Amino acid sequence: MGHMVTEILEKRGIECAGASEDIRSFDPALASQCVVIDFTTPAAIRENYKFLADNFKAVVIGTTGWDDIRDEVIEYFEKAGTPMVYASNFSIGVNLFMATVDKLTSLMAETGGYSPYMIEMHHCHKLDAPSGTAKSLAEIVDRNLGTHVDIQSVRCGEIPGIHIVGFEGDCDRIVLKHEAFSRKGFAEGAVLAAIKADGLQGVWNFKDLILK
């Protein structure tokens, strides 16, 4: 992801001030002028989020697997006065997909008659299962339908990402699917978030920022 983000920045004519696996080694004076894009690990976020909030001009977090401390992280950024944009998935298409699932399940809540299911598929190197995107989709379905949807996870080969949300009724079935062709879409969205974060106020979920 880091290489893809760097390539997109170069194509857009945006300077990359540096890339590092150890963010704490980044010069704080330079950090204060920069928007950082974080694609690391859940453990790294837990260790570094305070450093990010205290030192950078704005922060974009594309790492997943830290939902259990989300409120704590958001509260820290708000107190620090540092703009932050986060998402379980920065793909524009996925965020449109989430909005579609939200609208459909809102209508289903009024009509009833459907039971949801979900399948997500990713490459064998992905560390978390279910994916952060699947969890976000499940939150939408659970909230609107007042039920619990089980998520089936598949890890195989080099699949960039597939999410399927299905609804089984007595007379028919509705299936929504998003399939990423590569990880480039995630990097494109993260760069867009970084551009928007420069001058932003507060903490934003990416989907709320682009669909408001």
N, C-alpha and C. Protein backbone atom coordinates (compact mmCIF):
# COMPACT_ATOMS: atom_id res chain seq x y z
N MET A 1 0.82 -1.20 0.00
CA MET A 1 0.00 0.00 0.00
C MET A 1 0.86 1.26 0.00
N GLY A 2 1.96 1.22 0.73
CA GLY A 2 2.84 2.38 0.79
C GLY A 2 3.38 2.75 -0.58
N HIS A 3 3.79 1.75 -1.35
CA HIS A 3 4.32 2.00 -2.69
C HIS A 3 3.23 2.59 -3.59
N MET A 4 2.00 2.04 -3.48
CA MET A 4 0.90 2.54 -4.31
C MET A 4 0.55 3.98 -3.96
N VAL A 5 0.53 4.29 -2.67
CA VAL A 5 0.24 5.66 -2.24
C VAL A 5 1.30 6.61 -2.79
N THR A 6 2.57 6.20 -2.71
CA THR A 6 3.66 7.04 -3.21
C THR A 6 3.52 7.29 -4.70
N GLU A 7 3.18 6.25 -5.46
CA GLU A 7 3.00 6.39 -6.91
C GLU A 7 1.89 7.38 -7.24
N ILE A 8 0.77 7.28 -6.50
CA ILE A 8 -0.37 8.17 -6.75
C ILE A 8 -0.01 9.61 -6.41
N LEU A 9 0.72 9.81 -5.32
CA LEU A 9 1.16 11.16 -4.94
C LEU A 9 2.03 11.75 -6.05
N GLU A 10 2.93 10.95 -6.59
CA GLU A 10 3.81 11.43 -7.66
C GLU A 10 3.02 11.83 -8.89
N LYS A 11 2.02 11.01 -9.25
CA LYS A 11 1.19 11.31 -10.42
C LYS A 11 0.39 12.59 -10.23
N ARG A 12 0.00 12.86 -8.98
CA ARG A 12 -0.78 14.06 -8.68
C ARG A 12 0.11 15.29 -8.45
N GLY A 13 1.41 15.07 -8.46
CA GLY A 13 2.33 16.19 -8.22
C GLY A 13 2.37 16.63 -6.77
N ILE A 14 2.10 15.69 -5.86
CA ILE A 14 2.12 15.99 -4.42
C ILE A 14 3.40 15.41 -3.82
N GLU A 15 4.11 16.21 -3.08
CA GLU A 15 5.38 15.78 -2.51
C GLU A 15 5.16 14.78 -1.37
N CYS A 16 5.93 13.70 -1.41
CA CYS A 16 5.95 12.75 -0.29
C CYS A 16 7.15 13.10 0.58
N ALA A 17 6.89 13.50 1.81
CA ALA A 17 7.96 13.97 2.69
C ALA A 17 8.82 12.83 3.23
N GLY A 18 8.31 11.59 3.10
CA GLY A 18 9.08 10.45 3.60
C GLY A 18 8.20 9.26 3.87
N ALA A 19 8.82 8.10 3.91
CA ALA A 19 8.10 6.87 4.22
C ALA A 19 8.93 6.08 5.21
N SER A 20 8.27 5.55 6.23
CA SER A 20 9.01 4.86 7.28
C SER A 20 8.16 3.79 7.93
N GLU A 21 8.78 2.67 8.26
CA GLU A 21 8.10 1.63 9.01
C GLU A 21 8.07 1.97 10.50
N ASP A 22 8.94 2.88 10.91
CA ASP A 22 8.98 3.34 12.30
C ASP A 22 8.60 4.81 12.34
N ILE A 23 7.32 5.10 12.52
CA ILE A 23 6.84 6.47 12.44
C ILE A 23 7.44 7.37 13.51
N ARG A 24 7.86 6.77 14.63
CA ARG A 24 8.42 7.57 15.71
C ARG A 24 9.80 8.17 15.36
N SER A 25 10.39 7.65 14.29
CA SER A 25 11.68 8.19 13.85
C SER A 25 11.51 9.42 12.96
N PHE A 26 10.25 9.76 12.64
CA PHE A 26 9.97 10.89 11.75
C PHE A 26 10.23 12.19 12.50
N ASP A 27 10.86 13.13 11.83
CA ASP A 27 11.21 14.42 12.42
C ASP A 27 9.93 15.17 12.83
N PRO A 28 9.74 15.44 14.12
CA PRO A 28 8.52 16.13 14.59
C PRO A 28 8.31 17.50 13.95
N ALA A 29 9.39 18.23 13.68
CA ALA A 29 9.26 19.55 13.05
C ALA A 29 8.67 19.42 11.65
N LEU A 30 9.10 18.40 10.91
CA LEU A 30 8.57 18.15 9.58
C LEU A 30 7.15 17.59 9.66
N ALA A 31 6.92 16.72 10.65
CA ALA A 31 5.60 16.10 10.82
C ALA A 31 4.50 17.14 11.00
N SER A 32 4.82 18.24 11.67
CA SER A 32 3.83 19.27 11.96
C SER A 32 3.31 19.94 10.69
N GLN A 33 4.02 19.73 9.57
CA GLN A 33 3.62 20.32 8.29
C GLN A 33 3.02 19.28 7.34
N CYS A 34 2.89 18.05 7.83
CA CYS A 34 2.53 16.93 6.95
C CYS A 34 1.23 16.24 7.37
N VAL A 35 0.55 15.69 6.38
CA VAL A 35 -0.56 14.76 6.61
C VAL A 35 0.00 13.35 6.46
N VAL A 36 -0.16 12.52 7.47
CA VAL A 36 0.37 11.17 7.41
C VAL A 36 -0.73 10.19 7.00
N ILE A 37 -0.36 9.24 6.15
CA ILE A 37 -1.27 8.16 5.75
C ILE A 37 -0.74 6.87 6.37
N ASP A 38 -1.52 6.25 7.22
CA ASP A 38 -1.08 5.07 7.96
C ASP A 38 -1.75 3.79 7.44
N PHE A 39 -0.94 2.91 6.88
CA PHE A 39 -1.36 1.55 6.55
C PHE A 39 -0.35 0.62 7.22
N THR A 40 -0.60 0.29 8.48
CA THR A 40 0.36 -0.53 9.22
C THR A 40 -0.33 -1.78 9.76
N THR A 41 -0.30 -1.95 11.06
CA THR A 41 -0.92 -3.10 11.71
C THR A 41 -1.72 -2.63 12.91
N PRO A 42 -2.67 -3.44 13.39
CA PRO A 42 -3.42 -3.04 14.59
C PRO A 42 -2.50 -2.76 15.78
N ALA A 43 -1.45 -3.56 15.93
CA ALA A 43 -0.52 -3.35 17.05
C ALA A 43 0.20 -2.01 16.92
N ALA A 44 0.58 -1.65 15.69
CA ALA A 44 1.27 -0.38 15.47
C ALA A 44 0.36 0.81 15.79
N ILE A 45 -0.91 0.71 15.40
CA ILE A 45 -1.86 1.80 15.70
C ILE A 45 -2.00 1.97 17.21
N ARG A 46 -2.12 0.87 17.92
CA ARG A 46 -2.26 0.94 19.38
C ARG A 46 -1.04 1.62 20.01
N GLU A 47 0.12 1.36 19.45
CA GLU A 47 1.35 1.91 20.01
C GLU A 47 1.59 3.36 19.58
N ASN A 48 1.11 3.71 18.38
CA ASN A 48 1.53 4.99 17.80
C ASN A 48 0.46 6.07 17.67
N TYR A 49 -0.81 5.77 17.96
CA TYR A 49 -1.83 6.77 17.66
C TYR A 49 -1.65 8.08 18.42
N LYS A 50 -1.12 8.02 19.63
CA LYS A 50 -0.89 9.26 20.38
C LYS A 50 0.23 10.07 19.74
N PHE A 51 1.26 9.39 19.26
CA PHE A 51 2.35 10.09 18.57
C PHE A 51 1.83 10.76 17.31
N LEU A 52 0.98 10.06 16.57
CA LEU A 52 0.40 10.62 15.35
C LEU A 52 -0.41 11.88 15.67
N ALA A 53 -1.26 11.79 16.67
CA ALA A 53 -2.12 12.92 17.04
C ALA A 53 -1.32 14.10 17.58
N ASP A 54 -0.24 13.81 18.27
CA ASP A 54 0.54 14.87 18.91
C ASP A 54 1.51 15.58 17.96
N ASN A 55 1.84 14.94 16.84
CA ASN A 55 2.92 15.47 16.01
C ASN A 55 2.54 15.89 14.59
N PHE A 56 1.53 15.26 14.00
CA PHE A 56 1.23 15.52 12.59
C PHE A 56 0.14 16.56 12.41
N LYS A 57 0.16 17.20 11.25
CA LYS A 57 -0.83 18.22 10.92
C LYS A 57 -2.22 17.61 10.80
N ALA A 58 -2.30 16.42 10.22
CA ALA A 58 -3.54 15.66 10.09
C ALA A 58 -3.17 14.21 9.85
N VAL A 59 -4.12 13.31 10.09
CA VAL A 59 -3.83 11.87 10.03
C VAL A 59 -4.92 11.13 9.28
N VAL A 60 -4.49 10.22 8.39
CA VAL A 60 -5.40 9.33 7.68
C VAL A 60 -5.04 7.91 8.09
N ILE A 61 -6.00 7.17 8.63
CA ILE A 61 -5.73 5.81 9.11
C ILE A 61 -6.52 4.81 8.27
N GLY A 62 -5.77 3.98 7.52
CA GLY A 62 -6.39 2.93 6.72
C GLY A 62 -6.20 1.56 7.33
N THR A 63 -5.53 1.51 8.48
CA THR A 63 -5.32 0.25 9.19
C THR A 63 -6.62 -0.17 9.87
N THR A 64 -6.89 -1.47 9.88
CA THR A 64 -8.08 -2.00 10.57
C THR A 64 -7.65 -2.86 11.76
N GLY A 65 -8.63 -3.31 12.54
CA GLY A 65 -8.33 -4.19 13.66
C GLY A 65 -8.18 -3.49 14.98
N TRP A 66 -8.62 -2.21 15.07
CA TRP A 66 -8.52 -1.48 16.34
C TRP A 66 -9.89 -0.95 16.79
N ASP A 67 -10.95 -1.60 16.34
CA ASP A 67 -12.30 -1.16 16.68
C ASP A 67 -12.55 -1.10 18.18
N ASP A 68 -11.91 -1.99 18.93
CA ASP A 68 -12.15 -2.05 20.37
C ASP A 68 -11.64 -0.81 21.10
N ILE A 69 -10.72 -0.05 20.47
CA ILE A 69 -10.22 1.19 21.11
C ILE A 69 -10.60 2.41 20.27
N ARG A 70 -11.56 2.27 19.37
CA ARG A 70 -11.93 3.37 18.47
C ARG A 70 -12.36 4.61 19.24
N ASP A 71 -13.21 4.45 20.23
CA ASP A 71 -13.68 5.60 21.00
C ASP A 71 -12.52 6.31 21.71
N GLU A 72 -11.60 5.51 22.22
CA GLU A 72 -10.43 6.05 22.91
C GLU A 72 -9.55 6.86 21.94
N VAL A 73 -9.34 6.31 20.75
CA VAL A 73 -8.52 6.99 19.74
C VAL A 73 -9.17 8.29 19.28
N ILE A 74 -10.47 8.22 18.98
CA ILE A 74 -11.20 9.41 18.53
C ILE A 74 -11.15 10.50 19.59
N GLU A 75 -11.37 10.12 20.83
CA GLU A 75 -11.34 11.09 21.93
C GLU A 75 -9.97 11.76 22.04
N TYR A 76 -8.90 10.98 21.85
CA TYR A 76 -7.55 11.54 21.96
C TYR A 76 -7.29 12.55 20.84
N PHE A 77 -7.70 12.20 19.61
CA PHE A 77 -7.50 13.11 18.48
C PHE A 77 -8.31 14.39 18.67
N GLU A 78 -9.52 14.25 19.18
CA GLU A 78 -10.35 15.44 19.39
C GLU A 78 -9.74 16.35 20.44
N LYS A 79 -9.21 15.79 21.51
CA LYS A 79 -8.57 16.59 22.54
C LYS A 79 -7.29 17.24 22.02
N ALA A 80 -6.57 16.53 21.14
CA ALA A 80 -5.34 17.07 20.58
C ALA A 80 -5.62 18.14 19.53
N GLY A 81 -6.86 18.17 19.02
CA GLY A 81 -7.21 19.12 17.98
C GLY A 81 -6.61 18.78 16.63
N THR A 82 -6.30 17.49 16.44
CA THR A 82 -5.70 17.03 15.18
C THR A 82 -6.75 16.38 14.29
N PRO A 83 -6.94 16.87 13.07
CA PRO A 83 -7.91 16.26 12.16
C PRO A 83 -7.52 14.80 11.86
N MET A 84 -8.51 13.93 11.82
CA MET A 84 -8.25 12.53 11.51
C MET A 84 -9.37 11.99 10.64
N VAL A 85 -9.00 11.24 9.60
CA VAL A 85 -9.96 10.54 8.75
C VAL A 85 -9.62 9.06 8.82
N TYR A 86 -10.61 8.23 9.13
CA TYR A 86 -10.35 6.79 9.23
C TYR A 86 -11.41 6.03 8.43
N ALA A 87 -11.10 4.80 8.09
CA ALA A 87 -12.05 3.97 7.37
C ALA A 87 -11.60 2.52 7.44
N SER A 88 -12.55 1.62 7.38
CA SER A 88 -12.21 0.22 7.26
C SER A 88 -11.81 -0.09 5.82
N ASN A 89 -12.19 0.81 4.90
CA ASN A 89 -11.85 0.64 3.49
C ASN A 89 -11.94 2.00 2.81
N PHE A 90 -10.86 2.42 2.16
CA PHE A 90 -10.84 3.73 1.52
C PHE A 90 -11.25 3.70 0.06
N SER A 91 -11.67 2.55 -0.44
CA SER A 91 -12.14 2.47 -1.82
C SER A 91 -13.42 3.29 -1.98
N ILE A 92 -13.47 4.14 -2.99
CA ILE A 92 -14.68 4.92 -3.26
C ILE A 92 -15.84 3.97 -3.52
N GLY A 93 -15.58 2.93 -4.32
CA GLY A 93 -16.62 1.96 -4.65
C GLY A 93 -17.19 1.27 -3.44
N VAL A 94 -16.32 0.89 -2.50
CA VAL A 94 -16.79 0.21 -1.29
C VAL A 94 -17.66 1.14 -0.46
N ASN A 95 -17.31 2.40 -0.40
CA ASN A 95 -18.11 3.34 0.39
C ASN A 95 -19.46 3.59 -0.26
N LEU A 96 -19.52 3.59 -1.59
CA LEU A 96 -20.81 3.65 -2.28
C LEU A 96 -21.61 2.36 -2.02
N PHE A 97 -20.90 1.25 -1.97
CA PHE A 97 -21.51 -0.06 -1.68
C PHE A 97 -22.14 -0.04 -0.28
N MET A 98 -21.40 0.50 0.69
CA MET A 98 -21.93 0.60 2.06
C MET A 98 -23.19 1.45 2.10
N ALA A 99 -23.17 2.56 1.36
CA ALA A 99 -24.34 3.44 1.32
C ALA A 99 -25.54 2.71 0.72
N THR A 100 -25.29 1.86 -0.28
CA THR A 100 -26.35 1.08 -0.91
C THR A 100 -26.93 0.06 0.06
N VAL A 101 -26.04 -0.64 0.80
CA VAL A 101 -26.49 -1.61 1.80
C VAL A 101 -27.31 -0.92 2.89
N ASP A 102 -26.86 0.28 3.28
CA ASP A 102 -27.58 1.05 4.29
C ASP A 102 -29.00 1.39 3.83
N LYS A 103 -29.10 1.88 2.60
CA LYS A 103 -30.42 2.24 2.06
C LYS A 103 -31.32 1.02 1.93
N LEU A 104 -30.77 -0.09 1.40
CA LEU A 104 -31.58 -1.29 1.19
C LEU A 104 -32.09 -1.86 2.51
N THR A 105 -31.20 -1.96 3.50
CA THR A 105 -31.63 -2.53 4.78
C THR A 105 -32.59 -1.61 5.52
N SER A 106 -32.49 -0.30 5.29
CA SER A 106 -33.47 0.62 5.88
C SER A 106 -34.87 0.33 5.32
N LEU A 107 -34.94 0.07 4.02
CA LEU A 107 -36.22 -0.28 3.40
C LEU A 107 -36.71 -1.64 3.88
N MET A 108 -35.78 -2.59 4.02
CA MET A 108 -36.14 -3.94 4.49
C MET A 108 -36.69 -3.92 5.91
N ALA A 109 -36.20 -2.98 6.71
CA ALA A 109 -36.68 -2.87 8.08
C ALA A 109 -38.18 -2.56 8.10
N GLU A 110 -38.64 -1.88 7.07
CA GLU A 110 -40.06 -1.53 6.99
C GLU A 110 -40.90 -2.67 6.43
N THR A 111 -40.32 -3.45 5.50
CA THR A 111 -41.09 -4.52 4.85
C THR A 111 -40.95 -5.86 5.55
N GLY A 112 -39.76 -6.13 6.13
CA GLY A 112 -39.51 -7.43 6.75
C GLY A 112 -39.38 -8.53 5.70
N GLY A 113 -39.22 -9.76 6.18
CA GLY A 113 -39.26 -10.91 5.29
C GLY A 113 -37.94 -11.39 4.73
N TYR A 114 -36.80 -10.80 5.16
CA TYR A 114 -35.51 -11.22 4.62
C TYR A 114 -34.50 -11.48 5.74
N SER A 115 -33.69 -12.53 5.53
CA SER A 115 -32.61 -12.86 6.47
C SER A 115 -31.27 -12.60 5.79
N PRO A 116 -30.36 -11.88 6.46
CA PRO A 116 -29.09 -11.50 5.82
C PRO A 116 -27.99 -12.54 6.01
N TYR A 117 -27.05 -12.53 5.07
CA TYR A 117 -25.81 -13.29 5.22
C TYR A 117 -24.69 -12.51 4.56
N MET A 118 -23.44 -12.85 4.90
CA MET A 118 -22.31 -12.09 4.37
C MET A 118 -21.11 -13.00 4.16
N ILE A 119 -20.43 -12.81 3.03
CA ILE A 119 -19.20 -13.54 2.71
C ILE A 119 -18.14 -12.53 2.31
N GLU A 120 -16.94 -12.65 2.87
CA GLU A 120 -15.84 -11.79 2.45
C GLU A 120 -14.64 -12.66 2.11
N MET A 121 -13.93 -12.29 1.04
CA MET A 121 -12.81 -13.07 0.54
C MET A 121 -11.61 -12.16 0.32
N HIS A 122 -10.43 -12.57 0.83
CA HIS A 122 -9.21 -11.79 0.67
C HIS A 122 -8.01 -12.70 0.46
N HIS A 123 -6.89 -12.06 0.14
CA HIS A 123 -5.63 -12.78 -0.07
C HIS A 123 -5.16 -13.47 1.21
N CYS A 124 -4.31 -14.46 1.04
CA CYS A 124 -3.87 -15.28 2.17
C CYS A 124 -2.94 -14.54 3.14
N HIS A 125 -2.50 -13.34 2.77
CA HIS A 125 -1.59 -12.57 3.64
C HIS A 125 -2.35 -11.67 4.62
N LYS A 126 -3.64 -11.52 4.43
CA LYS A 126 -4.41 -10.61 5.28
C LYS A 126 -4.44 -11.13 6.71
N LEU A 127 -4.14 -10.24 7.66
CA LEU A 127 -3.97 -10.67 9.05
C LEU A 127 -5.28 -10.81 9.81
N ASP A 128 -6.27 -9.96 9.49
CA ASP A 128 -7.51 -10.00 10.28
C ASP A 128 -8.63 -10.71 9.52
N ALA A 129 -9.49 -11.36 10.28
CA ALA A 129 -10.67 -12.02 9.72
C ALA A 129 -11.74 -12.05 10.82
N PRO A 130 -12.94 -11.54 10.54
CA PRO A 130 -13.39 -10.93 9.29
C PRO A 130 -12.65 -9.62 9.01
N SER A 131 -12.78 -9.16 7.78
CA SER A 131 -12.16 -7.90 7.40
C SER A 131 -12.84 -6.73 8.09
N GLY A 132 -12.14 -5.62 8.18
CA GLY A 132 -12.73 -4.43 8.76
C GLY A 132 -13.93 -3.95 7.96
N THR A 133 -13.86 -4.10 6.64
CA THR A 133 -14.98 -3.72 5.78
C THR A 133 -16.21 -4.56 6.07
N ALA A 134 -16.00 -5.87 6.23
CA ALA A 134 -17.12 -6.77 6.54
C ALA A 134 -17.76 -6.40 7.88
N LYS A 135 -16.93 -6.05 8.85
CA LYS A 135 -17.46 -5.65 10.16
C LYS A 135 -18.29 -4.37 10.03
N SER A 136 -17.81 -3.42 9.21
CA SER A 136 -18.56 -2.18 9.01
C SER A 136 -19.89 -2.45 8.33
N LEU A 137 -19.88 -3.33 7.34
CA LEU A 137 -21.12 -3.71 6.66
C LEU A 137 -22.07 -4.41 7.64
N ALA A 138 -21.53 -5.27 8.48
CA ALA A 138 -22.35 -5.98 9.45
C ALA A 138 -22.99 -5.01 10.44
N GLU A 139 -22.24 -3.98 10.84
CA GLU A 139 -22.79 -2.97 11.74
C GLU A 139 -24.00 -2.29 11.12
N ILE A 140 -23.91 -2.01 9.83
CA ILE A 140 -25.03 -1.36 9.12
C ILE A 140 -26.24 -2.28 9.09
N VAL A 141 -26.02 -3.54 8.70
CA VAL A 141 -27.12 -4.51 8.61
C VAL A 141 -27.74 -4.74 9.98
N ASP A 142 -26.91 -4.96 10.99
CA ASP A 142 -27.41 -5.23 12.34
C ASP A 142 -28.22 -4.04 12.88
N ARG A 143 -27.70 -2.83 12.64
CA ARG A 143 -28.39 -1.63 13.14
C ARG A 143 -29.75 -1.46 12.49
N ASN A 144 -29.82 -1.63 11.19
CA ASN A 144 -31.07 -1.37 10.47
C ASN A 144 -32.09 -2.49 10.61
N LEU A 145 -31.61 -3.72 10.67
CA LEU A 145 -32.54 -4.86 10.73
C LEU A 145 -32.76 -5.38 12.15
N GLY A 146 -31.95 -4.90 13.09
CA GLY A 146 -32.12 -5.35 14.47
C GLY A 146 -31.82 -6.82 14.64
N THR A 147 -30.87 -7.33 13.86
CA THR A 147 -30.52 -8.75 13.92
C THR A 147 -29.01 -8.89 13.91
N HIS A 148 -28.53 -10.11 13.88
CA HIS A 148 -27.08 -10.35 13.81
C HIS A 148 -26.77 -11.14 12.55
N VAL A 149 -25.86 -10.62 11.75
CA VAL A 149 -25.47 -11.32 10.53
C VAL A 149 -24.12 -11.99 10.73
N ASP A 150 -24.06 -13.29 10.45
CA ASP A 150 -22.80 -14.01 10.54
C ASP A 150 -21.95 -13.71 9.31
N ILE A 151 -20.65 -13.58 9.51
CA ILE A 151 -19.73 -13.29 8.41
C ILE A 151 -18.87 -14.52 8.15
N GLN A 152 -18.86 -14.97 6.91
CA GLN A 152 -18.01 -16.08 6.50
C GLN A 152 -16.77 -15.50 5.81
N SER A 153 -15.59 -15.88 6.30
CA SER A 153 -14.34 -15.34 5.76
C SER A 153 -13.56 -16.40 4.99
N VAL A 154 -13.00 -15.98 3.86
CA VAL A 154 -12.16 -16.86 3.03
C VAL A 154 -10.82 -16.17 2.83
N ARG A 155 -9.72 -16.89 3.04
CA ARG A 155 -8.38 -16.38 2.79
C ARG A 155 -7.70 -17.32 1.81
N CYS A 156 -7.43 -16.81 0.60
CA CYS A 156 -6.90 -17.69 -0.43
C CYS A 156 -6.17 -16.89 -1.51
N GLY A 157 -5.03 -17.38 -1.94
CA GLY A 157 -4.32 -16.78 -3.07
C GLY A 157 -4.04 -15.31 -2.89
N GLU A 158 -4.29 -14.53 -3.95
CA GLU A 158 -4.00 -13.10 -3.96
C GLU A 158 -5.26 -12.26 -4.21
N ILE A 159 -6.40 -12.71 -3.72
CA ILE A 159 -7.67 -12.00 -3.91
C ILE A 159 -7.57 -10.61 -3.27
N PRO A 160 -7.72 -9.54 -4.05
CA PRO A 160 -7.63 -8.18 -3.46
C PRO A 160 -8.75 -7.89 -2.47
N GLY A 161 -9.96 -8.38 -2.76
CA GLY A 161 -11.07 -8.15 -1.83
C GLY A 161 -12.42 -8.32 -2.50
N ILE A 162 -13.24 -9.19 -1.93
CA ILE A 162 -14.61 -9.40 -2.41
C ILE A 162 -15.53 -9.40 -1.20
N HIS A 163 -16.61 -8.63 -1.28
CA HIS A 163 -17.61 -8.60 -0.22
C HIS A 163 -18.99 -8.86 -0.81
N ILE A 164 -19.67 -9.83 -0.26
CA ILE A 164 -21.01 -10.20 -0.73
C ILE A 164 -21.98 -10.08 0.44
N VAL A 165 -23.05 -9.33 0.24
CA VAL A 165 -24.11 -9.22 1.24
C VAL A 165 -25.39 -9.73 0.59
N GLY A 166 -25.94 -10.81 1.16
CA GLY A 166 -27.14 -11.41 0.59
C GLY A 166 -28.32 -11.37 1.55
N PHE A 167 -29.51 -11.40 0.98
CA PHE A 167 -30.74 -11.36 1.77
C PHE A 167 -31.68 -12.44 1.23
N GLU A 168 -31.97 -13.41 2.08
CA GLU A 168 -32.78 -14.56 1.67
C GLU A 168 -34.22 -14.37 2.12
N GLY A 169 -35.14 -14.43 1.16
CA GLY A 169 -36.56 -14.33 1.47
C GLY A 169 -37.27 -15.63 1.13
N ASP A 170 -38.56 -15.70 1.42
CA ASP A 170 -39.33 -16.90 1.11
C ASP A 170 -39.51 -17.09 -0.40
N CYS A 171 -39.56 -15.98 -1.13
CA CYS A 171 -39.86 -16.05 -2.56
C CYS A 171 -38.71 -15.63 -3.46
N ASP A 172 -37.69 -14.99 -2.90
CA ASP A 172 -36.59 -14.51 -3.73
C ASP A 172 -35.35 -14.24 -2.89
N ARG A 173 -34.29 -13.88 -3.58
CA ARG A 173 -33.01 -13.59 -2.94
C ARG A 173 -32.45 -12.31 -3.56
N ILE A 174 -31.90 -11.43 -2.71
CA ILE A 174 -31.24 -10.22 -3.17
C ILE A 174 -29.76 -10.33 -2.80
N VAL A 175 -28.88 -10.11 -3.78
CA VAL A 175 -27.45 -10.22 -3.53
C VAL A 175 -26.74 -8.96 -4.03
N LEU A 176 -25.97 -8.34 -3.14
CA LEU A 176 -25.13 -7.19 -3.49
C LEU A 176 -23.67 -7.62 -3.38
N LYS A 177 -22.85 -7.22 -4.33
CA LYS A 177 -21.45 -7.66 -4.35
C LYS A 177 -20.53 -6.54 -4.77
N HIS A 178 -19.42 -6.41 -4.07
CA HIS A 178 -18.35 -5.50 -4.49
C HIS A 178 -17.07 -6.32 -4.63
N GLU A 179 -16.40 -6.15 -5.76
CA GLU A 179 -15.14 -6.86 -6.00
C GLU A 179 -14.07 -5.86 -6.41
N ALA A 180 -12.99 -5.84 -5.66
CA ALA A 180 -11.85 -4.98 -5.99
C ALA A 180 -10.96 -5.72 -6.99
N PHE A 181 -10.53 -5.03 -8.06
CA PHE A 181 -9.64 -5.64 -9.03
C PHE A 181 -8.18 -5.58 -8.58
N SER A 182 -7.87 -4.59 -7.75
CA SER A 182 -6.53 -4.45 -7.20
C SER A 182 -6.64 -3.60 -5.94
N ARG A 183 -5.51 -3.38 -5.30
CA ARG A 183 -5.51 -2.55 -4.09
C ARG A 183 -5.32 -1.06 -4.41
N LYS A 184 -5.22 -0.75 -5.69
CA LYS A 184 -5.00 0.64 -6.10
C LYS A 184 -6.13 1.55 -5.64
N GLY A 185 -7.38 1.04 -5.67
CA GLY A 185 -8.52 1.84 -5.26
C GLY A 185 -8.44 2.28 -3.81
N PHE A 186 -7.86 1.43 -2.95
CA PHE A 186 -7.70 1.78 -1.54
C PHE A 186 -6.71 2.95 -1.40
N ALA A 187 -5.62 2.88 -2.18
CA ALA A 187 -4.61 3.93 -2.13
C ALA A 187 -5.15 5.25 -2.69
N GLU A 188 -5.93 5.17 -3.78
CA GLU A 188 -6.54 6.37 -4.37
C GLU A 188 -7.42 7.07 -3.34
N GLY A 189 -8.24 6.30 -2.64
CA GLY A 189 -9.13 6.87 -1.64
C GLY A 189 -8.38 7.47 -0.47
N ALA A 190 -7.29 6.82 -0.07
CA ALA A 190 -6.49 7.33 1.05
C ALA A 190 -5.85 8.67 0.70
N VAL A 191 -5.37 8.80 -0.54
CA VAL A 191 -4.79 10.06 -0.97
C VAL A 191 -5.86 11.15 -1.01
N LEU A 192 -7.05 10.80 -1.50
CA LEU A 192 -8.16 11.76 -1.51
C LEU A 192 -8.48 12.21 -0.08
N ALA A 193 -8.48 11.25 0.85
CA ALA A 193 -8.74 11.58 2.26
C ALA A 193 -7.68 12.52 2.81
N ALA A 194 -6.42 12.29 2.42
CA ALA A 194 -5.33 13.15 2.90
C ALA A 194 -5.48 14.57 2.37
N ILE A 195 -5.90 14.69 1.11
CA ILE A 195 -6.12 16.02 0.53
C ILE A 195 -7.24 16.74 1.28
N LYS A 196 -8.32 16.02 1.58
CA LYS A 196 -9.44 16.61 2.29
C LYS A 196 -9.10 16.90 3.76
N ALA A 197 -8.23 16.07 4.33
CA ALA A 197 -7.88 16.23 5.75
C ALA A 197 -7.09 17.50 6.01
N ASP A 198 -6.36 17.96 5.00
CA ASP A 198 -5.57 19.19 5.15
C ASP A 198 -6.53 20.38 5.25
N GLY A 199 -6.68 20.90 6.45
CA GLY A 199 -7.60 22.01 6.68
C GLY A 199 -8.94 21.57 7.26
N LEU A 200 -9.11 20.27 7.45
CA LEU A 200 -10.34 19.73 8.02
C LEU A 200 -10.37 19.96 9.54
N GLN A 201 -11.55 19.93 10.09
CA GLN A 201 -11.71 20.02 11.54
C GLN A 201 -12.35 18.72 12.06
N GLY A 202 -11.82 18.19 13.16
CA GLY A 202 -12.45 17.05 13.82
C GLY A 202 -12.05 15.70 13.26
N VAL A 203 -12.82 14.68 13.67
CA VAL A 203 -12.58 13.28 13.28
C VAL A 203 -13.72 12.82 12.39
N TRP A 204 -13.36 12.21 11.26
CA TRP A 204 -14.34 11.81 10.27
C TRP A 204 -14.16 10.36 9.84
N ASN A 205 -15.27 9.67 9.67
CA ASN A 205 -15.25 8.42 8.93
C ASN A 205 -15.26 8.80 7.45
N PHE A 206 -14.44 8.16 6.65
CA PHE A 206 -14.27 8.54 5.25
C PHE A 206 -15.60 8.55 4.49
N LYS A 207 -16.47 7.58 4.76
CA LYS A 207 -17.74 7.52 4.03
C LYS A 207 -18.60 8.73 4.33
N ASP A 208 -18.55 9.22 5.55
CA ASP A 208 -19.33 10.42 5.89
C ASP A 208 -18.74 11.65 5.22
N LEU A 209 -17.43 11.65 5.02
CA LEU A 209 -16.75 12.79 4.42
C LEU A 209 -17.07 12.91 2.93
N ILE A 210 -17.13 11.76 2.23
CA ILE A 210 -17.34 11.84 0.77
C ILE A 210 -18.81 11.75 0.37
N LEU A 211 -19.67 11.29 1.29
CA LEU A 211 -21.08 11.12 0.94
C LEU A 211 -21.98 12.14 1.62
N LYS A 212 -21.37 13.11 2.31
CA LYS A 212 -22.18 14.10 3.02
C LYS A 212 -22.91 15.04 2.05
